[in-house]
Structure formats: C-alpha cells, structure tokens
C-alpha atoms as a PDB file:
ATOM      1  CA  MET A   1      17.344  -9.285   6.061  1.00  0.00           C
ATOM      2  CA  GLU A   2      17.211  -5.496   5.649  1.00  0.00           C
ATOM      3  CA  TYR A   3      13.881  -3.893   4.751  1.00  0.00           C
ATOM      4  CA  ILE A   4      13.596  -0.726   2.642  1.00  0.00           C
ATOM      5  CA  LYS A   5      10.667   1.511   1.692  1.00  0.00           C
ATOM      6  CA  VAL A   6       9.300   0.016  -1.505  1.00  0.00           C
ATOM      7  CA  ALA A   7       6.040   1.874  -2.140  1.00  0.00           C
ATOM      8  CA  ILE A   8       3.680   4.528  -0.792  1.00  0.00           C
ATOM      9  CA  LEU A   9       0.061   3.472  -0.304  1.00  0.00           C
ATOM     10  CA  ASP A  10      -2.813   5.867  -0.990  1.00  0.00           C
ATOM     11  CA  ASN A  11      -5.526   4.507   1.312  1.00  0.00           C
ATOM     12  CA  THR A  12      -6.716   1.680   3.568  1.00  0.00           C
ATOM     13  CA  PHE A  13      -8.506  -0.137   0.743  1.00  0.00           C
ATOM     14  CA  GLU A  14      -5.379  -0.188  -1.417  1.00  0.00           C
ATOM     15  CA  ALA A  15      -3.304  -1.364   1.557  1.00  0.00           C
ATOM     16  CA  ALA A  16      -5.703  -4.258   2.224  1.00  0.00           C
ATOM     17  CA  LEU A  17      -5.689  -5.422  -1.410  1.00  0.00           C
ATOM     18  CA  VAL A  18      -1.916  -5.234  -1.730  1.00  0.00           C
ATOM     19  CA  GLU A  19      -1.476  -6.994   1.614  1.00  0.00           C
ATOM     20  CA  GLN A  20      -3.744  -9.857   0.527  1.00  0.00           C
ATOM     21  CA  ILE A  21      -1.809 -10.354  -2.719  1.00  0.00           C
ATOM     22  CA  MET A  22       1.566 -10.253  -0.970  1.00  0.00           C
ATOM     23  CA  ASN A  23       0.353 -12.804   1.584  1.00  0.00           C
ATOM     24  CA  ASP A  24      -0.879 -15.072  -1.237  1.00  0.00           C
ATOM     25  CA  GLN A  25       2.524 -14.819  -2.927  1.00  0.00           C
ATOM     26  CA  GLU A  26       4.379 -15.262   0.391  1.00  0.00           C
ATOM     27  CA  ILE A  27       6.282 -11.990   0.025  1.00  0.00           C
ATOM     28  CA  PRO A  28       7.884 -10.727   3.252  1.00  0.00           C
ATOM     29  CA  TYR A  29       6.774  -7.170   4.047  1.00  0.00           C
ATOM     30  CA  VAL A  30       5.768  -4.626   6.661  1.00  0.00           C
ATOM     31  CA  ILE A  31       2.973  -2.120   6.079  1.00  0.00           C
ATOM     32  CA  ARG A  32       3.362   1.046   8.131  1.00  0.00           C
ATOM     33  CA  SER A  33       0.549   3.582   8.383  1.00  0.00           C
ATOM     34  CA  TYR A  34       1.482   7.256   8.624  1.00  0.00           C
ATOM     35  CA  HIS A  35      -1.438   7.859  11.028  1.00  0.00           C
ATOM     36  CA  ASP A  36      -0.324   9.571  14.209  1.00  0.00           C
ATOM     37  CA  GLU A  37      -2.401   9.632  17.393  1.00  0.00           C
ATOM     38  CA  VAL A  38      -1.345  13.183  18.217  1.00  0.00           C
ATOM     39  CA  TYR A  39      -1.634  14.731  14.753  1.00  0.00           C
ATOM     40  CA  GLY A  40      -4.392  12.503  13.371  1.00  0.00           C
ATOM     41  CA  ASN A  41      -4.410  12.374   9.585  1.00  0.00           C
ATOM     42  CA  LEU A  42      -2.044  15.318   9.072  1.00  0.00           C
ATOM     43  CA  PHE A  43       0.811  13.154   7.758  1.00  0.00           C
ATOM     44  CA  GLN A  44      -1.522  10.941   5.711  1.00  0.00           C
ATOM     45  CA  ALA A  45      -2.910  14.015   3.953  1.00  0.00           C
ATOM     46  CA  THR A  46       0.568  15.106   2.882  1.00  0.00           C
ATOM     47  CA  LYS A  47       2.606  11.886   2.567  1.00  0.00           C
ATOM     48  CA  GLY A  48       0.038   9.223   1.617  1.00  0.00           C
ATOM     49  CA  TRP A  49      -1.755   6.655   3.774  1.00  0.00           C
ATOM     50  CA  GLY A  50       1.365   4.666   4.571  1.00  0.00           C
ATOM     51  CA  GLU A  51       4.205   2.633   3.117  1.00  0.00           C
ATOM     52  CA  ILE A  52       5.308  -0.891   2.323  1.00  0.00           C
ATOM     53  CA  GLN A  53       8.721  -1.978   3.526  1.00  0.00           C
ATOM     54  CA  ALA A  54      10.306  -5.161   2.178  1.00  0.00           C
ATOM     55  CA  PRO A  55      13.634  -6.695   1.219  1.00  0.00           C
ATOM     56  CA  VAL A  56      15.137  -4.968  -1.814  1.00  0.00           C
ATOM     57  CA  SER A  57      14.914  -8.219  -3.800  1.00  0.00           C
ATOM     58  CA  PHE A  58      11.092  -7.910  -3.784  1.00  0.00           C
ATOM     59  CA  LYS A  59      10.945  -4.219  -4.797  1.00  0.00           C
ATOM     60  CA  GLU A  60      10.097  -4.781  -8.451  1.00  0.00           C
ATOM     61  CA  GLN A  61       7.507  -7.479  -7.698  1.00  0.00           C
ATOM     62  CA  ILE A  62       5.752  -5.307  -5.089  1.00  0.00           C
ATOM     63  CA  SER A  63       5.831  -2.252  -7.372  1.00  0.00           C
ATOM     64  CA  THR A  64       4.072  -4.297 -10.040  1.00  0.00           C
ATOM     65  CA  ILE A  65       1.444  -5.464  -7.536  1.00  0.00           C
ATOM     66  CA  VAL A  66       0.745  -1.873  -6.420  1.00  0.00           C
ATOM     67  CA  GLU A  67       0.501  -0.683 -10.048  1.00  0.00           C
ATOM     68  CA  ASP A  68      -1.904  -3.530 -10.901  1.00  0.00           C
ATOM     69  CA  VAL A  69      -4.122  -2.760  -7.882  1.00  0.00           C
ATOM     70  CA  ARG A  70      -4.241   0.923  -8.813  1.00  0.00           C
ATOM     71  CA  ALA A  71      -5.043   0.107 -12.441  1.00  0.00           C
ATOM     72  CA  SER A  72      -7.889  -2.185 -11.376  1.00  0.00           C
ATOM     73  CA  GLN A  73      -9.339   0.591  -9.190  1.00  0.00           C
ATOM     74  CA  VAL A  74      -9.331   2.987 -12.145  1.00  0.00           C
ATOM     75  CA  GLU A  75     -10.893   0.440 -14.515  1.00  0.00           C
ATOM     76  CA  SER A  76     -13.738  -0.454 -12.152  1.00  0.00           C
ATOM     77  CA  PRO A  77     -14.393   2.462  -9.806  1.00  0.00           C
ATOM     78  CA  MET A  78     -16.737   1.947  -6.921  1.00  0.00           C
ATOM     79  CA  VAL A  79     -20.263   3.175  -7.686  1.00  0.00           C
ATOM     80  CA  VAL A  80     -22.077   4.948  -4.886  1.00  0.00           C
ATOM     81  CA  GLU A  81     -25.856   5.005  -5.137  1.00  0.00           C
ATOM     82  CA  GLU A  82     -27.809   7.778  -3.505  1.00  0.00           C
END
C-alpha cells in the first residue's frame, strides 16, 4: 500500500490528539516530525511540526479529523494561570 502526505501538523499536542483518534479508528498512518538533530527546529518553524502520511483512500477521513481537532482547540483554548 502506497502512503502519501495527507496533512501537515502544527505541533506536538495536535499530533498526539490526531494520532489517538486515528488509532481508535484503526486508520493506517505514519507521523513524521520535521525536527532535525543538526538544524533543530529550523524546518518546524518554516514547514510545520510534521506530517501525516497514509494511504490515499484515508485522505478525506484524516483531513476531517485534523480539522475537527483544530476546531476544538480554537473553541476551548488552554488557559494559563499566572
């Protein structure tokens, strides 16, 4: 089965949430971080945290999951108390 880039992830938290949902729904995937040992976070700052690769047949389903996770983060942002 050939895997393609399906979505770009913004951060570790988003990656963890999306990964949990895809595991629950038994969706085949690979999450690849753009972190590089030599350049540190240089690529993550310009390209995003990383990407999801999956079979093309799951592209629409994964895109919906990522959109839903992002919408839930906007609706209930994390509150930081000082």
